[in-house]
Amino acid sequence: MQLLSLCYLFKGLSESQFHGLSEITKQVRAQKGQFLIHEGQKAEELFVLKKGAVELLTRVNGDLVNVDFELPIAILRNPGDCIGTSSLVEPYIYSLSARCFEDSELLIIKQPDLINLMLTDHELGCCMMKNLAQHLLNRLKETRQELKIHFKTIFRSTQS
């Protein structure tokens, strides 16, 4: 239960809500190099990192660079980091792939179980979706800032 409280999705939940979550949560181990999810697949599970590291990747289509490859986006290392939030939002398709960067331990929650819990406890569902929206808004702001930096760099290089 304590690990779940580290995950941004579950901030602000009550002790009884954490208890309900823990009842639908299982612990799994994954080996270095093992894929947890694949971009484009049906999103059926949410993972919370307990120990280890997970790399997030996106596919780059060969039409652009004459070869298909996976582009690393981030490496998650902090206990409580979550993977697979696409399982909470229609069309329930993973938007990234996730591969264990090192041997890892994770908590896993099956999407139907979590959706059922959210529908049963509307306060829990509302809190989780508010947390997800805030997280995605923060990520959007970070991406905009990175784009501004890249744009300035490109603009300066054209001025030289």
C-alpha atoms as a PDB file:
ATOM      1  CA  MET A   1       0.000   0.000   0.000  1.00  0.00           C
ATOM      2  CA  GLN A   2       2.814   2.405   0.813  1.00  0.00           C
ATOM      3  CA  LEU A   3       4.295   2.002  -2.689  1.00  0.00           C
ATOM      4  CA  LEU A   4       0.958   2.840  -4.291  1.00  0.00           C
ATOM      5  CA  SER A   5       0.887   6.101  -2.326  1.00  0.00           C
ATOM      6  CA  LEU A   6       4.109   7.149  -4.117  1.00  0.00           C
ATOM      7  CA  CYS A   7       2.390   6.951  -7.522  1.00  0.00           C
ATOM      8  CA  TYR A   8       1.044  10.303  -8.749  1.00  0.00           C
ATOM      9  CA  LEU A   9      -2.173   8.621  -9.912  1.00  0.00           C
ATOM     10  CA  PHE A  10      -3.133   7.697  -6.371  1.00  0.00           C
ATOM     11  CA  LYS A  11      -2.277  10.936  -4.534  1.00  0.00           C
ATOM     12  CA  GLY A  12      -5.048  12.045  -2.194  1.00  0.00           C
ATOM     13  CA  LEU A  13      -6.738   8.665  -1.800  1.00  0.00           C
ATOM     14  CA  SER A  14      -7.991   7.529   1.595  1.00  0.00           C
ATOM     15  CA  GLU A  15      -6.668   4.551   3.504  1.00  0.00           C
ATOM     16  CA  SER A  16      -9.768   2.511   2.621  1.00  0.00           C
ATOM     17  CA  GLN A  17      -9.328   3.406  -1.072  1.00  0.00           C
ATOM     18  CA  PHE A  18      -5.695   2.233  -0.919  1.00  0.00           C
ATOM     19  CA  HIS A  19      -6.938  -0.973   0.660  1.00  0.00           C
ATOM     20  CA  GLY A  20      -9.329  -1.486  -2.265  1.00  0.00           C
ATOM     21  CA  LEU A  21      -6.475  -0.872  -4.711  1.00  0.00           C
ATOM     22  CA  SER A  22      -4.170  -3.292  -2.924  1.00  0.00           C
ATOM     23  CA  GLU A  23      -6.813  -6.022  -3.274  1.00  0.00           C
ATOM     24  CA  ILE A  24      -6.605  -5.854  -7.087  1.00  0.00           C
ATOM     25  CA  THR A  25      -2.817  -5.442  -7.233  1.00  0.00           C
ATOM     26  CA  LYS A  26      -0.301  -8.209  -7.865  1.00  0.00           C
ATOM     27  CA  GLN A  27       3.476  -8.090  -7.701  1.00  0.00           C
ATOM     28  CA  VAL A  28       5.538  -9.338 -10.650  1.00  0.00           C
ATOM     29  CA  ARG A  29       9.224  -9.615 -11.505  1.00  0.00           C
ATOM     30  CA  ALA A  30      10.570  -8.803 -14.945  1.00  0.00           C
ATOM     31  CA  GLN A  31      14.001  -9.462 -16.426  1.00  0.00           C
ATOM     32  CA  LYS A  32      16.249  -6.898 -18.065  1.00  0.00           C
ATOM     33  CA  GLY A  33      15.216  -6.574 -21.721  1.00  0.00           C
ATOM     34  CA  GLN A  34      11.687  -7.899 -21.127  1.00  0.00           C
ATOM     35  CA  PHE A  35       8.911  -5.815 -22.669  1.00  0.00           C
ATOM     36  CA  LEU A  36       6.014  -4.949 -20.385  1.00  0.00           C
ATOM     37  CA  ILE A  37       3.925  -3.260 -23.067  1.00  0.00           C
ATOM     38  CA  HIS A  38       4.142  -2.517 -26.784  1.00  0.00           C
ATOM     39  CA  GLU A  39       3.098   0.683 -28.512  1.00  0.00           C
ATOM     40  CA  GLY A  40      -0.145   0.171 -30.411  1.00  0.00           C
ATOM     41  CA  GLN A  41      -1.278  -2.833 -28.343  1.00  0.00           C
ATOM     42  CA  LYS A  42      -4.540  -2.941 -26.431  1.00  0.00           C
ATOM     43  CA  ALA A  43      -3.894  -1.340 -23.013  1.00  0.00           C
ATOM     44  CA  GLU A  44      -4.921  -3.975 -20.482  1.00  0.00           C
ATOM     45  CA  GLU A  45      -2.588  -3.346 -17.529  1.00  0.00           C
ATOM     46  CA  LEU A  46      -1.206  -0.549 -15.402  1.00  0.00           C
ATOM     47  CA  PHE A  47       2.222  -1.024 -13.803  1.00  0.00           C
ATOM     48  CA  VAL A  48       3.767   0.701 -10.786  1.00  0.00           C
ATOM     49  CA  LEU A  49       7.537   0.426 -10.444  1.00  0.00           C
ATOM     50  CA  LYS A  50       8.679  -1.022  -7.136  1.00  0.00           C
ATOM     51  CA  LYS A  51      12.353  -1.626  -7.871  1.00  0.00           C
ATOM     52  CA  GLY A  52      14.576  -1.497 -10.948  1.00  0.00           C
ATOM     53  CA  ALA A  53      14.294   0.602 -14.095  1.00  0.00           C
ATOM     54  CA  VAL A  54      11.959   0.696 -17.098  1.00  0.00           C
ATOM     55  CA  GLU A  55      12.731   2.391 -20.411  1.00  0.00           C
ATOM     56  CA  LEU A  56       9.928   4.060 -22.368  1.00  0.00           C
ATOM     57  CA  LEU A  57      10.271   3.898 -26.157  1.00  0.00           C
ATOM     58  CA  THR A  58       8.410   5.016 -29.267  1.00  0.00           C
ATOM     59  CA  ARG A  59       8.596   3.570 -32.760  1.00  0.00           C
ATOM     60  CA  VAL A  60      10.020   5.703 -35.530  1.00  0.00           C
ATOM     61  CA  ASN A  61       8.657   4.804 -38.931  1.00  0.00           C
ATOM     62  CA  GLY A  62      11.226   3.965 -41.610  1.00  0.00           C
ATOM     63  CA  ASP A  63       9.554   6.346 -44.075  1.00  0.00           C
ATOM     64  CA  LEU A  64      11.462   9.191 -42.441  1.00  0.00           C
ATOM     65  CA  VAL A  65      14.918   7.672 -42.036  1.00  0.00           C
ATOM     66  CA  ASN A  66      14.883   4.511 -44.213  1.00  0.00           C
ATOM     67  CA  VAL A  67      14.972   2.239 -41.168  1.00  0.00           C
ATOM     68  CA  ASP A  68      12.475   1.402 -38.407  1.00  0.00           C
ATOM     69  CA  PHE A  69      13.782   1.825 -34.878  1.00  0.00           C
ATOM     70  CA  GLU A  70      12.668   2.472 -31.310  1.00  0.00           C
ATOM     71  CA  LEU A  71      13.523   5.889 -29.911  1.00  0.00           C
ATOM     72  CA  PRO A  72      14.170   6.037 -26.145  1.00  0.00           C
ATOM     73  CA  ILE A  73      11.950   8.629 -24.452  1.00  0.00           C
ATOM     74  CA  ALA A  74      12.745   8.202 -20.750  1.00  0.00           C
ATOM     75  CA  ILE A  75      14.002   5.792 -18.122  1.00  0.00           C
ATOM     76  CA  LEU A  76      11.827   5.432 -15.026  1.00  0.00           C
ATOM     77  CA  ARG A  77      13.748   4.553 -11.866  1.00  0.00           C
ATOM     78  CA  ASN A  78      11.732   5.938  -8.962  1.00  0.00           C
ATOM     79  CA  PRO A  79       9.558   3.681  -6.841  1.00  0.00           C
ATOM     80  CA  GLY A  80       5.971   4.657  -7.615  1.00  0.00           C
ATOM     81  CA  ASP A  81       6.594   5.588 -11.260  1.00  0.00           C
ATOM     82  CA  CYS A  82       3.754   4.240 -13.354  1.00  0.00           C
ATOM     83  CA  ILE A  83       3.592   2.728 -16.807  1.00  0.00           C
ATOM     84  CA  GLY A  84       0.522   2.128 -18.939  1.00  0.00           C
ATOM     85  CA  THR A  85      -1.813   5.014 -18.135  1.00  0.00           C
ATOM     86  CA  SER A  86      -3.315   4.467 -21.598  1.00  0.00           C
ATOM     87  CA  SER A  87      -5.272   1.709 -19.854  1.00  0.00           C
ATOM     88  CA  LEU A  88      -7.346   4.474 -18.237  1.00  0.00           C
ATOM     89  CA  VAL A  89      -8.273   6.456 -21.353  1.00  0.00           C
ATOM     90  CA  GLU A  90     -10.125   5.438 -24.500  1.00  0.00           C
ATOM     91  CA  PRO A  91      -9.272   4.020 -26.984  1.00  0.00           C
ATOM     92  CA  TYR A  92      -7.246   1.966 -24.456  1.00  0.00           C
ATOM     93  CA  ILE A  93      -4.200   1.601 -26.732  1.00  0.00           C
ATOM     94  CA  TYR A  94      -0.639   1.934 -25.391  1.00  0.00           C
ATOM     95  CA  SER A  95       1.018   5.068 -26.784  1.00  0.00           C
ATOM     96  CA  LEU A  96       4.569   3.894 -25.939  1.00  0.00           C
ATOM     97  CA  SER A  97       6.472   0.665 -25.422  1.00  0.00           C
ATOM     98  CA  ALA A  98       8.080  -0.135 -22.076  1.00  0.00           C
ATOM     99  CA  ARG A  99      11.077  -2.434 -21.657  1.00  0.00           C
ATOM    100  CA  CYS A 100      12.895  -3.320 -18.454  1.00  0.00           C
ATOM    101  CA  PHE A 101      16.205  -1.488 -18.457  1.00  0.00           C
ATOM    102  CA  GLU A 102      17.337  -3.718 -15.598  1.00  0.00           C
ATOM    103  CA  ASP A 103      15.788  -6.534 -13.584  1.00  0.00           C
ATOM    104  CA  SER A 104      12.697  -5.011 -12.001  1.00  0.00           C
ATOM    105  CA  GLU A 105       9.864  -5.601  -9.575  1.00  0.00           C
ATOM    106  CA  LEU A 106       6.505  -4.051 -10.361  1.00  0.00           C
ATOM    107  CA  LEU A 107       2.970  -3.934  -9.135  1.00  0.00           C
ATOM    108  CA  ILE A 108       0.423  -4.750 -11.803  1.00  0.00           C
ATOM    109  CA  ILE A 109      -3.241  -3.817 -11.911  1.00  0.00           C
ATOM    110  CA  LYS A 110      -5.488  -5.288 -14.588  1.00  0.00           C
ATOM    111  CA  GLN A 111      -7.424  -2.621 -16.461  1.00  0.00           C
ATOM    112  CA  PRO A 112     -10.902  -4.174 -16.027  1.00  0.00           C
ATOM    113  CA  ASP A 113     -10.357  -4.467 -12.258  1.00  0.00           C
ATOM    114  CA  LEU A 114      -9.205  -0.850 -11.974  1.00  0.00           C
ATOM    115  CA  ILE A 115     -12.019   0.519 -14.151  1.00  0.00           C
ATOM    116  CA  ASN A 116     -14.543  -1.474 -12.095  1.00  0.00           C
ATOM    117  CA  LEU A 117     -13.085  -0.041  -8.866  1.00  0.00           C
ATOM    118  CA  MET A 118     -13.261   3.490 -10.311  1.00  0.00           C
ATOM    119  CA  LEU A 119     -16.904   2.976 -11.319  1.00  0.00           C
ATOM    120  CA  THR A 120     -17.761   1.531  -7.902  1.00  0.00           C
ATOM    121  CA  ASP A 121     -15.987   4.314  -5.979  1.00  0.00           C
ATOM    122  CA  HIS A 122     -16.628   7.497  -7.946  1.00  0.00           C
ATOM    123  CA  GLU A 123     -14.528   9.604  -5.578  1.00  0.00           C
ATOM    124  CA  LEU A 124     -11.517   7.354  -6.225  1.00  0.00           C
ATOM    125  CA  GLY A 125     -12.132   7.496  -9.986  1.00  0.00           C
ATOM    126  CA  CYS A 126     -12.500  11.277  -9.974  1.00  0.00           C
ATOM    127  CA  CYS A 127      -9.323  11.730  -7.911  1.00  0.00           C
ATOM    128  CA  MET A 128      -7.318   9.418 -10.176  1.00  0.00           C
ATOM    129  CA  MET A 129      -8.500  11.118 -13.370  1.00  0.00           C
ATOM    130  CA  LYS A 130      -7.767  14.560 -11.884  1.00  0.00           C
ATOM    131  CA  ASN A 131      -4.257  13.365 -11.015  1.00  0.00           C
ATOM    132  CA  LEU A 132      -3.785  11.932 -14.510  1.00  0.00           C
ATOM    133  CA  ALA A 133      -4.988  15.169 -16.146  1.00  0.00           C
ATOM    134  CA  GLN A 134      -2.593  17.232 -14.000  1.00  0.00           C
ATOM    135  CA  HIS A 135       0.297  14.921 -14.842  1.00  0.00           C
ATOM    136  CA  LEU A 136      -0.437  15.083 -18.572  1.00  0.00           C
ATOM    137  CA  LEU A 137      -0.759  18.882 -18.429  1.00  0.00           C
ATOM    138  CA  ASN A 138       2.645  19.089 -16.729  1.00  0.00           C
ATOM    139  CA  ARG A 139       4.145  16.820 -19.412  1.00  0.00           C
ATOM    140  CA  LEU A 140       2.614  19.017 -22.136  1.00  0.00           C
ATOM    141  CA  LYS A 141       4.178  22.108 -20.556  1.00  0.00           C
ATOM    142  CA  GLU A 142       7.572  20.354 -20.407  1.00  0.00           C
ATOM    143  CA  THR A 143       7.276  19.319 -24.059  1.00  0.00           C
ATOM    144  CA  ARG A 144       6.415  22.872 -25.100  1.00  0.00           C
ATOM    145  CA  GLN A 145       9.460  24.164 -23.245  1.00  0.00           C
ATOM    146  CA  GLU A 146      11.685  21.592 -24.960  1.00  0.00           C
ATOM    147  CA  LEU A 147      10.245  22.570 -28.354  1.00  0.00           C
ATOM    148  CA  LYS A 148      11.022  26.233 -27.650  1.00  0.00           C
ATOM    149  CA  ILE A 149      14.626  25.314 -26.842  1.00  0.00           C
ATOM    150  CA  HIS A 150      14.945  23.203 -30.008  1.00  0.00           C
ATOM    151  CA  PHE A 151      13.356  25.952 -32.103  1.00  0.00           C
ATOM    152  CA  LYS A 152      15.794  28.557 -30.719  1.00  0.00           C
ATOM    153  CA  THR A 153      18.714  26.222 -31.469  1.00  0.00           C
ATOM    154  CA  ILE A 154      17.537  25.639 -35.047  1.00  0.00           C
ATOM    155  CA  PHE A 155      16.859  29.346 -35.557  1.00  0.00           C
ATOM    156  CA  ARG A 156      20.349  30.293 -34.289  1.00  0.00           C
ATOM    157  CA  SER A 157      21.991  27.721 -36.558  1.00  0.00           C
ATOM    158  CA  THR A 158      20.223  29.187 -39.616  1.00  0.00           C
ATOM    159  CA  GLN A 159      21.452  32.664 -38.669  1.00  0.00           C
ATOM    160  CA  SER A 160      25.112  31.637 -38.696  1.00  0.00           C
END
